[in-house]
Amino acid sequence: MAKVEHDLTDAQWALLQARWGGCAYCGAADPAPQKDCVLPISRGGRYTLVNVVPACRSCNASKCNAEVTTWMRRKRLDERAFLVRQAEIAGEVARPAIG
């Protein structure tokens, strides 16, 4: 972990949690969601805005270091809806607030 550059800020993490409103995978409400790397660190992922989503303990433990779309198919979750929403939310959080 120390050898990999991570650039997800605390503010971005808070916004990701707020925008997802629960587990990014199953939608479950979790008062303390875990940071899950869509592309696991063991496969070259990092803690970045476009790679981290909030996950409930159950989904995070189940996914472990699996490739996200393979895992979602196995769990019968809607991978297309997840990937579209992930891109939309990451884009919204990345844009600076106007006002």
PDB file of N, CA and C in Angstrom:
ATOM      1  N   MET A   1       0.817  -1.197   0.000  1.00  0.00           N
ATOM      2  CA  MET A   1       0.000   0.000   0.000  1.00  0.00           C
ATOM      3  C   MET A   1       0.862   1.263   0.000  1.00  0.00           C
ATOM      4  N   ALA A   2       1.931   1.277   0.771  1.00  0.00           N
ATOM      5  CA  ALA A   2       2.749   2.479   0.873  1.00  0.00           C
ATOM      6  C   ALA A   2       3.477   2.792  -0.430  1.00  0.00           C
ATOM      7  N   LYS A   3       3.669   1.794  -1.269  1.00  0.00           N
ATOM      8  CA  LYS A   3       4.379   1.993  -2.524  1.00  0.00           C
ATOM      9  C   LYS A   3       3.479   2.525  -3.633  1.00  0.00           C
ATOM     10  N   VAL A   4       2.181   2.585  -3.377  1.00  0.00           N
ATOM     11  CA  VAL A   4       1.209   3.005  -4.394  1.00  0.00           C
ATOM     12  C   VAL A   4       0.718   4.413  -4.062  1.00  0.00           C
ATOM     13  N   GLU A   5       0.598   5.254  -5.081  1.00  0.00           N
ATOM     14  CA  GLU A   5       0.114   6.620  -4.873  1.00  0.00           C
ATOM     15  C   GLU A   5      -1.411   6.630  -4.844  1.00  0.00           C
ATOM     16  N   HIS A   6      -1.955   7.124  -3.743  1.00  0.00           N
ATOM     17  CA  HIS A   6      -3.396   7.238  -3.571  1.00  0.00           C
ATOM     18  C   HIS A   6      -3.740   8.717  -3.498  1.00  0.00           C
ATOM     19  N   ASP A   7      -4.814   9.149  -4.179  1.00  0.00           N
ATOM     20  CA  ASP A   7      -5.121  10.575  -4.164  1.00  0.00           C
ATOM     21  C   ASP A   7      -6.576  10.896  -3.828  1.00  0.00           C
ATOM     22  N   LEU A   8      -7.307   9.948  -3.263  1.00  0.00           N
ATOM     23  CA  LEU A   8      -8.678  10.210  -2.846  1.00  0.00           C
ATOM     24  C   LEU A   8      -8.651  11.050  -1.572  1.00  0.00           C
ATOM     25  N   THR A   9      -9.286  12.217  -1.618  1.00  0.00           N
ATOM     26  CA  THR A   9      -9.303  13.084  -0.444  1.00  0.00           C
ATOM     27  C   THR A   9     -10.463  12.707   0.481  1.00  0.00           C
ATOM     28  N   ASP A  10     -10.385  13.149   1.720  1.00  0.00           N
ATOM     29  CA  ASP A  10     -11.476  12.923   2.671  1.00  0.00           C
ATOM     30  C   ASP A  10     -12.755  13.586   2.178  1.00  0.00           C
ATOM     31  N   ALA A  11     -12.635  14.763   1.582  1.00  0.00           N
ATOM     32  CA  ALA A  11     -13.810  15.469   1.057  1.00  0.00           C
ATOM     33  C   ALA A  11     -14.447  14.684  -0.088  1.00  0.00           C
ATOM     34  N   GLN A  12     -13.639  14.126  -0.972  1.00  0.00           N
ATOM     35  CA  GLN A  12     -14.174  13.321  -2.069  1.00  0.00           C
ATOM     36  C   GLN A  12     -14.860  12.065  -1.531  1.00  0.00           C
ATOM     37  N   TRP A  13     -14.263  11.427  -0.538  1.00  0.00           N
ATOM     38  CA  TRP A  13     -14.858  10.233   0.065  1.00  0.00           C
ATOM     39  C   TRP A  13     -16.223  10.578   0.675  1.00  0.00           C
ATOM     40  N   ALA A  14     -16.304  11.685   1.359  1.00  0.00           N
ATOM     41  CA  ALA A  14     -17.583  12.105   1.953  1.00  0.00           C
ATOM     42  C   ALA A  14     -18.631  12.342   0.864  1.00  0.00           C
ATOM     43  N   LEU A  15     -18.226  12.985  -0.227  1.00  0.00           N
ATOM     44  CA  LEU A  15     -19.161  13.222  -1.333  1.00  0.00           C
ATOM     45  C   LEU A  15     -19.579  11.914  -2.009  1.00  0.00           C
ATOM     46  N   LEU A  16     -18.652  10.995  -2.183  1.00  0.00           N
ATOM     47  CA  LEU A  16     -18.997   9.697  -2.773  1.00  0.00           C
ATOM     48  C   LEU A  16     -20.039   8.977  -1.913  1.00  0.00           C
ATOM     49  N   GLN A  17     -19.827   8.989  -0.612  1.00  0.00           N
ATOM     50  CA  GLN A  17     -20.779   8.342   0.287  1.00  0.00           C
ATOM     51  C   GLN A  17     -22.163   8.987   0.190  1.00  0.00           C
ATOM     52  N   ALA A  18     -22.183  10.307   0.160  1.00  0.00           N
ATOM     53  CA  ALA A  18     -23.455  11.028   0.083  1.00  0.00           C
ATOM     54  C   ALA A  18     -24.174  10.743  -1.232  1.00  0.00           C
ATOM     55  N   ARG A  19     -23.447  10.766  -2.335  1.00  0.00           N
ATOM     56  CA  ARG A  19     -24.066  10.553  -3.650  1.00  0.00           C
ATOM     57  C   ARG A  19     -24.562   9.127  -3.838  1.00  0.00           C
ATOM     58  N   TRP A  20     -23.809   8.155  -3.359  1.00  0.00           N
ATOM     59  CA  TRP A  20     -24.263   6.775  -3.495  1.00  0.00           C
ATOM     60  C   TRP A  20     -25.429   6.496  -2.548  1.00  0.00           C
ATOM     61  N   GLY A  21     -25.415   7.068  -1.357  1.00  0.00           N
ATOM     62  CA  GLY A  21     -26.504   6.873  -0.408  1.00  0.00           C
ATOM     63  C   GLY A  21     -26.612   5.464   0.141  1.00  0.00           C
ATOM     64  N   GLY A  22     -25.566   4.721   0.101  1.00  0.00           N
ATOM     65  CA  GLY A  22     -25.541   3.336   0.579  1.00  0.00           C
ATOM     66  C   GLY A  22     -24.475   2.569  -0.173  1.00  0.00           C
ATOM     67  N   CYS A  23     -24.546   1.265  -0.085  1.00  0.00           N
ATOM     68  CA  CYS A  23     -23.576   0.415  -0.775  1.00  0.00           C
ATOM     69  C   CYS A  23     -23.723   0.594  -2.282  1.00  0.00           C
ATOM     70  N   ALA A  24     -22.624   0.842  -2.952  1.00  0.00           N
ATOM     71  CA  ALA A  24     -22.644   1.042  -4.403  1.00  0.00           C
ATOM     72  C   ALA A  24     -23.058  -0.223  -5.140  1.00  0.00           C
ATOM     73  N   TYR A  25     -22.894  -1.362  -4.516  1.00  0.00           N
ATOM     74  CA  TYR A  25     -23.190  -2.624  -5.186  1.00  0.00           C
ATOM     75  C   TYR A  25     -24.625  -3.105  -4.942  1.00  0.00           C
ATOM     76  N   CYS A  26     -25.026  -3.166  -3.676  1.00  0.00           N
ATOM     77  CA  CYS A  26     -26.343  -3.729  -3.361  1.00  0.00           C
ATOM     78  C   CYS A  26     -27.353  -2.687  -2.905  1.00  0.00           C
ATOM     79  N   GLY A  27     -26.890  -1.468  -2.604  1.00  0.00           N
ATOM     80  CA  GLY A  27     -27.774  -0.401  -2.179  1.00  0.00           C
ATOM     81  C   GLY A  27     -28.083  -0.383  -0.695  1.00  0.00           C
ATOM     82  N   ALA A  28     -27.564  -1.345   0.059  1.00  0.00           N
ATOM     83  CA  ALA A  28     -27.846  -1.411   1.495  1.00  0.00           C
ATOM     84  C   ALA A  28     -27.327  -0.173   2.218  1.00  0.00           C
ATOM     85  N   ALA A  29     -28.130   0.320   3.146  1.00  0.00           N
ATOM     86  CA  ALA A  29     -27.695   1.437   3.987  1.00  0.00           C
ATOM     87  C   ALA A  29     -26.654   0.906   4.967  1.00  0.00           C
ATOM     88  N   ASP A  30     -25.606   1.642   5.147  1.00  0.00           N
ATOM     89  CA  ASP A  30     -24.551   1.242   6.074  1.00  0.00           C
ATOM     90  C   ASP A  30     -24.019   2.508   6.722  1.00  0.00           C
ATOM     91  N   PRO A  31     -24.122   2.610   8.048  1.00  0.00           N
ATOM     92  CA  PRO A  31     -23.653   3.832   8.711  1.00  0.00           C
ATOM     93  C   PRO A  31     -22.138   4.037   8.608  1.00  0.00           C
ATOM     94  N   ALA A  32     -21.414   2.986   8.314  1.00  0.00           N
ATOM     95  CA  ALA A  32     -19.955   3.090   8.190  1.00  0.00           C
ATOM     96  C   ALA A  32     -19.491   2.291   6.975  1.00  0.00           C
ATOM     97  N   PRO A  33     -19.803   2.773   5.757  1.00  0.00           N
ATOM     98  CA  PRO A  33     -19.384   2.023   4.571  1.00  0.00           C
ATOM     99  C   PRO A  33     -17.864   1.957   4.460  1.00  0.00           C
ATOM    100  N   GLN A  34     -17.410   0.915   3.823  1.00  0.00           N
ATOM    101  CA  GLN A  34     -15.984   0.720   3.625  1.00  0.00           C
ATOM    102  C   GLN A  34     -15.588   1.225   2.246  1.00  0.00           C
ATOM    103  N   LYS A  35     -14.346   1.671   2.133  1.00  0.00           N
ATOM    104  CA  LYS A  35     -13.823   2.079   0.826  1.00  0.00           C
ATOM    105  C   LYS A  35     -13.469   0.810   0.064  1.00  0.00           C
ATOM    106  N   ASP A  36     -14.145   0.599  -1.063  1.00  0.00           N
ATOM    107  CA  ASP A  36     -13.819  -0.557  -1.888  1.00  0.00           C
ATOM    108  C   ASP A  36     -13.243  -0.082  -3.210  1.00  0.00           C
ATOM    109  N   CYS A  37     -12.135  -0.681  -3.588  1.00  0.00           N
ATOM    110  CA  CYS A  37     -11.524  -0.376  -4.878  1.00  0.00           C
ATOM    111  C   CYS A  37     -12.183  -1.242  -5.944  1.00  0.00           C
ATOM    112  N   VAL A  38     -12.779  -0.602  -6.942  1.00  0.00           N
ATOM    113  CA  VAL A  38     -13.411  -1.324  -8.036  1.00  0.00           C
ATOM    114  C   VAL A  38     -12.375  -2.238  -8.684  1.00  0.00           C
ATOM    115  N   LEU A  39     -11.224  -1.688  -9.022  1.00  0.00           N
ATOM    116  CA  LEU A  39     -10.085  -2.493  -9.442  1.00  0.00           C
ATOM    117  C   LEU A  39      -9.238  -2.682  -8.181  1.00  0.00           C
ATOM    118  N   PRO A  40      -9.213  -3.882  -7.621  1.00  0.00           N
ATOM    119  CA  PRO A  40      -8.511  -4.104  -6.363  1.00  0.00           C
ATOM    120  C   PRO A  40      -7.041  -3.694  -6.413  1.00  0.00           C
ATOM    121  N   ILE A  41      -6.531  -3.280  -5.279  1.00  0.00           N
ATOM    122  CA  ILE A  41      -5.128  -2.889  -5.169  1.00  0.00           C
ATOM    123  C   ILE A  41      -4.232  -4.048  -5.598  1.00  0.00           C
ATOM    124  N   SER A  42      -4.637  -5.278  -5.279  1.00  0.00           N
ATOM    125  CA  SER A  42      -3.836  -6.447  -5.660  1.00  0.00           C
ATOM    126  C   SER A  42      -3.768  -6.635  -7.172  1.00  0.00           C
ATOM    127  N   ARG A  43      -4.644  -5.941  -7.903  1.00  0.00           N
ATOM    128  CA  ARG A  43      -4.652  -6.031  -9.371  1.00  0.00           C
ATOM    129  C   ARG A  43      -4.209  -4.713 -10.009  1.00  0.00           C
ATOM    130  N   GLY A  44      -3.614  -3.832  -9.205  1.00  0.00           N
ATOM    131  CA  GLY A  44      -3.087  -2.581  -9.739  1.00  0.00           C
ATOM    132  C   GLY A  44      -3.946  -1.359  -9.456  1.00  0.00           C
ATOM    133  N   GLY A  45      -5.038  -1.507  -8.705  1.00  0.00           N
ATOM    134  CA  GLY A  45      -5.902  -0.378  -8.376  1.00  0.00           C
ATOM    135  C   GLY A  45      -5.301   0.519  -7.304  1.00  0.00           C
ATOM    136  N   ARG A  46      -5.905   1.689  -7.159  1.00  0.00           N
ATOM    137  CA  ARG A  46      -5.460   2.659  -6.149  1.00  0.00           C
ATOM    138  C   ARG A  46      -6.686   3.296  -5.525  1.00  0.00           C
ATOM    139  N   TYR A  47      -6.490   3.962  -4.396  1.00  0.00           N
ATOM    140  CA  TYR A  47      -7.556   4.748  -3.779  1.00  0.00           C
ATOM    141  C   TYR A  47      -7.635   6.080  -4.516  1.00  0.00           C
ATOM    142  N   THR A  48      -8.458   6.109  -5.565  1.00  0.00           N
ATOM    143  CA  THR A  48      -8.655   7.310  -6.360  1.00  0.00           C
ATOM    144  C   THR A  48     -10.159   7.531  -6.536  1.00  0.00           C
ATOM    145  N   LEU A  49     -10.514   8.717  -6.935  1.00  0.00           N
ATOM    146  CA  LEU A  49     -11.912   9.078  -7.117  1.00  0.00           C
ATOM    147  C   LEU A  49     -12.639   8.132  -8.064  1.00  0.00           C
ATOM    148  N   VAL A  50     -12.005   7.737  -9.142  1.00  0.00           N
ATOM    149  CA  VAL A  50     -12.680   6.894 -10.128  1.00  0.00           C
ATOM    150  C   VAL A  50     -12.591   5.405  -9.804  1.00  0.00           C
ATOM    151  N   ASN A  51     -11.871   5.044  -8.757  1.00  0.00           N
ATOM    152  CA  ASN A  51     -11.713   3.631  -8.435  1.00  0.00           C
ATOM    153  C   ASN A  51     -12.324   3.227  -7.095  1.00  0.00           C
ATOM    154  N   VAL A  52     -12.784   4.172  -6.301  1.00  0.00           N
ATOM    155  CA  VAL A  52     -13.314   3.842  -4.973  1.00  0.00           C
ATOM    156  C   VAL A  52     -14.814   4.079  -4.927  1.00  0.00           C
ATOM    157  N   VAL A  53     -15.515   3.138  -4.317  1.00  0.00           N
ATOM    158  CA  VAL A  53     -16.955   3.271  -4.073  1.00  0.00           C
ATOM    159  C   VAL A  53     -17.226   2.834  -2.638  1.00  0.00           C
ATOM    160  N   PRO A  54     -18.305   3.345  -2.035  1.00  0.00           N
ATOM    161  CA  PRO A  54     -18.679   2.864  -0.708  1.00  0.00           C
ATOM    162  C   PRO A  54     -19.324   1.481  -0.815  1.00  0.00           C
ATOM    163  N   ALA A  55     -18.929   0.590   0.065  1.00  0.00           N
ATOM    164  CA  ALA A  55     -19.471  -0.769   0.049  1.00  0.00           C
ATOM    165  C   ALA A  55     -19.815  -1.204   1.468  1.00  0.00           C
ATOM    166  N   CYS A  56     -20.901  -1.962   1.584  1.00  0.00           N
ATOM    167  CA  CYS A  56     -21.242  -2.537   2.877  1.00  0.00           C
ATOM    168  C   CYS A  56     -20.220  -3.639   3.181  1.00  0.00           C
ATOM    169  N   ARG A  57     -20.132  -4.018   4.431  1.00  0.00           N
ATOM    170  CA  ARG A  57     -19.166  -5.044   4.838  1.00  0.00           C
ATOM    171  C   ARG A  57     -19.365  -6.342   4.042  1.00  0.00           C
ATOM    172  N   SER A  58     -20.621  -6.715   3.849  1.00  0.00           N
ATOM    173  CA  SER A  58     -20.926  -7.972   3.169  1.00  0.00           C
ATOM    174  C   SER A  58     -20.413  -7.969   1.729  1.00  0.00           C
ATOM    175  N   CYS A  59     -20.721  -6.915   0.976  1.00  0.00           N
ATOM    176  CA  CYS A  59     -20.262  -6.846  -0.424  1.00  0.00           C
ATOM    177  C   CYS A  59     -18.747  -6.733  -0.499  1.00  0.00           C
ATOM    178  N   ASN A  60     -18.158  -5.931   0.373  1.00  0.00           N
ATOM    179  CA  ASN A  60     -16.708  -5.754   0.331  1.00  0.00           C
ATOM    180  C   ASN A  60     -15.997  -7.074   0.617  1.00  0.00           C
ATOM    181  N   ALA A  61     -16.485  -7.800   1.597  1.00  0.00           N
ATOM    182  CA  ALA A  61     -15.865  -9.082   1.939  1.00  0.00           C
ATOM    183  C   ALA A  61     -16.086 -10.109   0.822  1.00  0.00           C
ATOM    184  N   SER A  62     -17.276 -10.116   0.253  1.00  0.00           N
ATOM    185  CA  SER A  62     -17.602 -11.060  -0.812  1.00  0.00           C
ATOM    186  C   SER A  62     -16.786 -10.791  -2.077  1.00  0.00           C
ATOM    187  N   LYS A  63     -16.653  -9.503  -2.435  1.00  0.00           N
ATOM    188  CA  LYS A  63     -15.924  -9.139  -3.652  1.00  0.00           C
ATOM    189  C   LYS A  63     -14.439  -9.418  -3.490  1.00  0.00           C
ATOM    190  N   CYS A  64     -13.913  -9.140  -2.319  1.00  0.00           N
ATOM    191  CA  CYS A  64     -12.506  -9.372  -2.002  1.00  0.00           C
ATOM    192  C   CYS A  64     -11.630  -8.744  -3.093  1.00  0.00           C
ATOM    193  N   ASN A  65     -10.863  -9.527  -3.814  1.00  0.00           N
ATOM    194  CA  ASN A  65     -10.017  -8.954  -4.866  1.00  0.00           C
ATOM    195  C   ASN A  65     -10.480  -9.397  -6.256  1.00  0.00           C
ATOM    196  N   ALA A  66     -11.763  -9.748  -6.365  1.00  0.00           N
ATOM    197  CA  ALA A  66     -12.314 -10.183  -7.654  1.00  0.00           C
ATOM    198  C   ALA A  66     -12.476  -8.998  -8.607  1.00  0.00           C
ATOM    199  N   GLU A  67     -12.494  -9.297  -9.887  1.00  0.00           N
ATOM    200  CA  GLU A  67     -12.795  -8.290 -10.903  1.00  0.00           C
ATOM    201  C   GLU A  67     -14.269  -7.954 -10.749  1.00  0.00           C
ATOM    202  N   VAL A  68     -14.601  -6.665 -10.746  1.00  0.00           N
ATOM    203  CA  VAL A  68     -15.938  -6.221 -10.348  1.00  0.00           C
ATOM    204  C   VAL A  68     -17.054  -6.782 -11.218  1.00  0.00           C
ATOM    205  N   THR A  69     -16.898  -6.781 -12.536  1.00  0.00           N
ATOM    206  CA  THR A  69     -18.013  -7.242 -13.369  1.00  0.00           C
ATOM    207  C   THR A  69     -18.209  -8.757 -13.246  1.00  0.00           C
ATOM    208  N   THR A  70     -17.143  -9.502 -13.113  1.00  0.00           N
ATOM    209  CA  THR A  70     -17.270 -10.947 -12.905  1.00  0.00           C
ATOM    210  C   THR A  70     -17.983 -11.226 -11.590  1.00  0.00           C
ATOM    211  N   TRP A  71     -17.585 -10.523 -10.543  1.00  0.00           N
ATOM    212  CA  TRP A  71     -18.215 -10.687  -9.227  1.00  0.00           C
ATOM    213  C   TRP A  71     -19.689 -10.293  -9.280  1.00  0.00           C
ATOM    214  N   MET A  72     -19.999  -9.177  -9.948  1.00  0.00           N
ATOM    215  CA  MET A  72     -21.390  -8.727 -10.019  1.00  0.00           C
ATOM    216  C   MET A  72     -22.251  -9.727 -10.783  1.00  0.00           C
ATOM    217  N   ARG A  73     -21.732 -10.317 -11.822  1.00  0.00           N
ATOM    218  CA  ARG A  73     -22.483 -11.344 -12.569  1.00  0.00           C
ATOM    219  C   ARG A  73     -22.754 -12.551 -11.682  1.00  0.00           C
ATOM    220  N   ARG A  74     -21.742 -12.965 -10.936  1.00  0.00           N
ATOM    221  CA  ARG A  74     -21.894 -14.106 -10.041  1.00  0.00           C
ATOM    222  C   ARG A  74     -22.956 -13.827  -8.967  1.00  0.00           C
ATOM    223  N   LYS A  75     -23.008 -12.576  -8.481  1.00  0.00           N
ATOM    224  CA  LYS A  75     -23.982 -12.184  -7.449  1.00  0.00           C
ATOM    225  C   LYS A  75     -25.337 -11.788  -8.046  1.00  0.00           C
ATOM    226  N   ARG A  76     -25.414 -11.786  -9.381  1.00  0.00           N
ATOM    227  CA  ARG A  76     -26.634 -11.391 -10.099  1.00  0.00           C
ATOM    228  C   ARG A  76     -27.027  -9.939  -9.806  1.00  0.00           C
ATOM    229  N   LEU A  77     -26.020  -9.082  -9.793  1.00  0.00           N
ATOM    230  CA  LEU A  77     -26.221  -7.647  -9.624  1.00  0.00           C
ATOM    231  C   LEU A  77     -26.139  -6.982 -11.000  1.00  0.00           C
ATOM    232  N   ASP A  78     -26.740  -5.826 -11.144  1.00  0.00           N
ATOM    233  CA  ASP A  78     -26.799  -5.128 -12.433  1.00  0.00           C
ATOM    234  C   ASP A  78     -25.490  -4.370 -12.682  1.00  0.00           C
ATOM    235  N   GLU A  79     -24.562  -5.023 -13.369  1.00  0.00           N
ATOM    236  CA  GLU A  79     -23.242  -4.423 -13.582  1.00  0.00           C
ATOM    237  C   GLU A  79     -23.307  -3.181 -14.461  1.00  0.00           C
ATOM    238  N   ARG A  80     -24.165  -3.193 -15.474  1.00  0.00           N
ATOM    239  CA  ARG A  80     -24.268  -2.031 -16.368  1.00  0.00           C
ATOM    240  C   ARG A  80     -24.752  -0.805 -15.595  1.00  0.00           C
ATOM    241  N   ALA A  81     -25.790  -0.977 -14.799  1.00  0.00           N
ATOM    242  CA  ALA A  81     -26.311   0.148 -14.005  1.00  0.00           C
ATOM    243  C   ALA A  81     -25.246   0.658 -13.041  1.00  0.00           C
ATOM    244  N   PHE A  82     -24.498  -0.258 -12.429  1.00  0.00           N
ATOM    245  CA  PHE A  82     -23.427   0.145 -11.519  1.00  0.00           C
ATOM    246  C   PHE A  82     -22.369   0.955 -12.242  1.00  0.00           C
ATOM    247  N   LEU A  83     -21.888   0.461 -13.388  1.00  0.00           N
ATOM    248  CA  LEU A  83     -20.808   1.139 -14.108  1.00  0.00           C
ATOM    249  C   LEU A  83     -21.234   2.518 -14.609  1.00  0.00           C
ATOM    250  N   VAL A  84     -22.471   2.646 -15.083  1.00  0.00           N
ATOM    251  CA  VAL A  84     -22.967   3.948 -15.536  1.00  0.00           C
ATOM    252  C   VAL A  84     -23.054   4.903 -14.355  1.00  0.00           C
ATOM    253  N   ARG A  85     -23.629   4.438 -13.257  1.00  0.00           N
ATOM    254  CA  ARG A  85     -23.776   5.310 -12.080  1.00  0.00           C
ATOM    255  C   ARG A  85     -22.418   5.684 -11.500  1.00  0.00           C
ATOM    256  N   GLN A  86     -21.490   4.741 -11.480  1.00  0.00           N
ATOM    257  CA  GLN A  86     -20.147   5.034 -10.968  1.00  0.00           C
ATOM    258  C   GLN A  86     -19.501   6.155 -11.768  1.00  0.00           C
ATOM    259  N   ALA A  87     -19.595   6.091 -13.088  1.00  0.00           N
ATOM    260  CA  ALA A  87     -19.005   7.134 -13.936  1.00  0.00           C
ATOM    261  C   ALA A  87     -19.692   8.470 -13.704  1.00  0.00           C
ATOM    262  N   GLU A  88     -21.015   8.471 -13.588  1.00  0.00           N
ATOM    263  CA  GLU A  88     -21.754   9.718 -13.354  1.00  0.00           C
ATOM    264  C   GLU A  88     -21.367  10.349 -12.024  1.00  0.00           C
ATOM    265  N   ILE A  89     -21.346   9.547 -10.970  1.00  0.00           N
ATOM    266  CA  ILE A  89     -21.033  10.079  -9.642  1.00  0.00           C
ATOM    267  C   ILE A  89     -19.591  10.562  -9.571  1.00  0.00           C
ATOM    268  N   ALA A  90     -18.650   9.805 -10.104  1.00  0.00           N
ATOM    269  CA  ALA A  90     -17.247  10.237 -10.089  1.00  0.00           C
ATOM    270  C   ALA A  90     -17.093  11.549 -10.847  1.00  0.00           C
ATOM    271  N   GLY A  91     -17.811  11.685 -11.969  1.00  0.00           N
ATOM    272  CA  GLY A  91     -17.757  12.930 -12.734  1.00  0.00           C
ATOM    273  C   GLY A  91     -18.326  14.105 -11.962  1.00  0.00           C
ATOM    274  N   GLU A  92     -19.428  13.877 -11.265  1.00  0.00           N
ATOM    275  CA  GLU A  92     -20.044  14.947 -10.470  1.00  0.00           C
ATOM    276  C   GLU A  92     -19.131  15.380  -9.326  1.00  0.00           C
ATOM    277  N   VAL A  93     -18.533  14.416  -8.653  1.00  0.00           N
ATOM    278  CA  VAL A  93     -17.661  14.734  -7.523  1.00  0.00           C
ATOM    279  C   VAL A  93     -16.384  15.427  -7.997  1.00  0.00           C
ATOM    280  N   ALA A  94     -15.919  15.076  -9.185  1.00  0.00           N
ATOM    281  CA  ALA A  94     -14.698  15.675  -9.723  1.00  0.00           C
ATOM    282  C   ALA A  94     -14.883  17.121 -10.150  1.00  0.00           C
ATOM    283  N   ARG A  95     -16.103  17.472 -10.568  1.00  0.00           N
ATOM    284  CA  ARG A  95     -16.347  18.858 -11.010  1.00  0.00           C
ATOM    285  C   ARG A  95     -16.343  19.786  -9.815  1.00  0.00           C
ATOM    286  N   PRO A  96     -15.681  20.916  -9.923  1.00  0.00           N
ATOM    287  CA  PRO A  96     -15.692  21.881  -8.827  1.00  0.00           C
ATOM    288  C   PRO A  96     -17.098  22.502  -8.703  1.00  0.00           C
ATOM    289  N   ALA A  97     -17.448  22.793  -7.479  1.00  0.00           N
ATOM    290  CA  ALA A  97     -18.760  23.414  -7.236  1.00  0.00           C
ATOM    291  C   ALA A  97     -18.807  24.800  -7.871  1.00  0.00           C
ATOM    292  N   ILE A  98     -19.935  25.087  -8.509  1.00  0.00           N
ATOM    293  CA  ILE A  98     -20.129  26.395  -9.119  1.00  0.00           C
ATOM    294  C   ILE A  98     -21.147  27.145  -8.281  1.00  0.00           C
ATOM    295  N   GLY A  99     -20.853  28.349  -7.969  1.00  0.00           N
ATOM    296  CA  GLY A  99     -21.838  29.085  -7.193  1.00  0.00           C
ATOM    297  C   GLY A  99     -21.216  30.130  -6.460  1.00  0.00           C
TER     298      GLY A  99
END
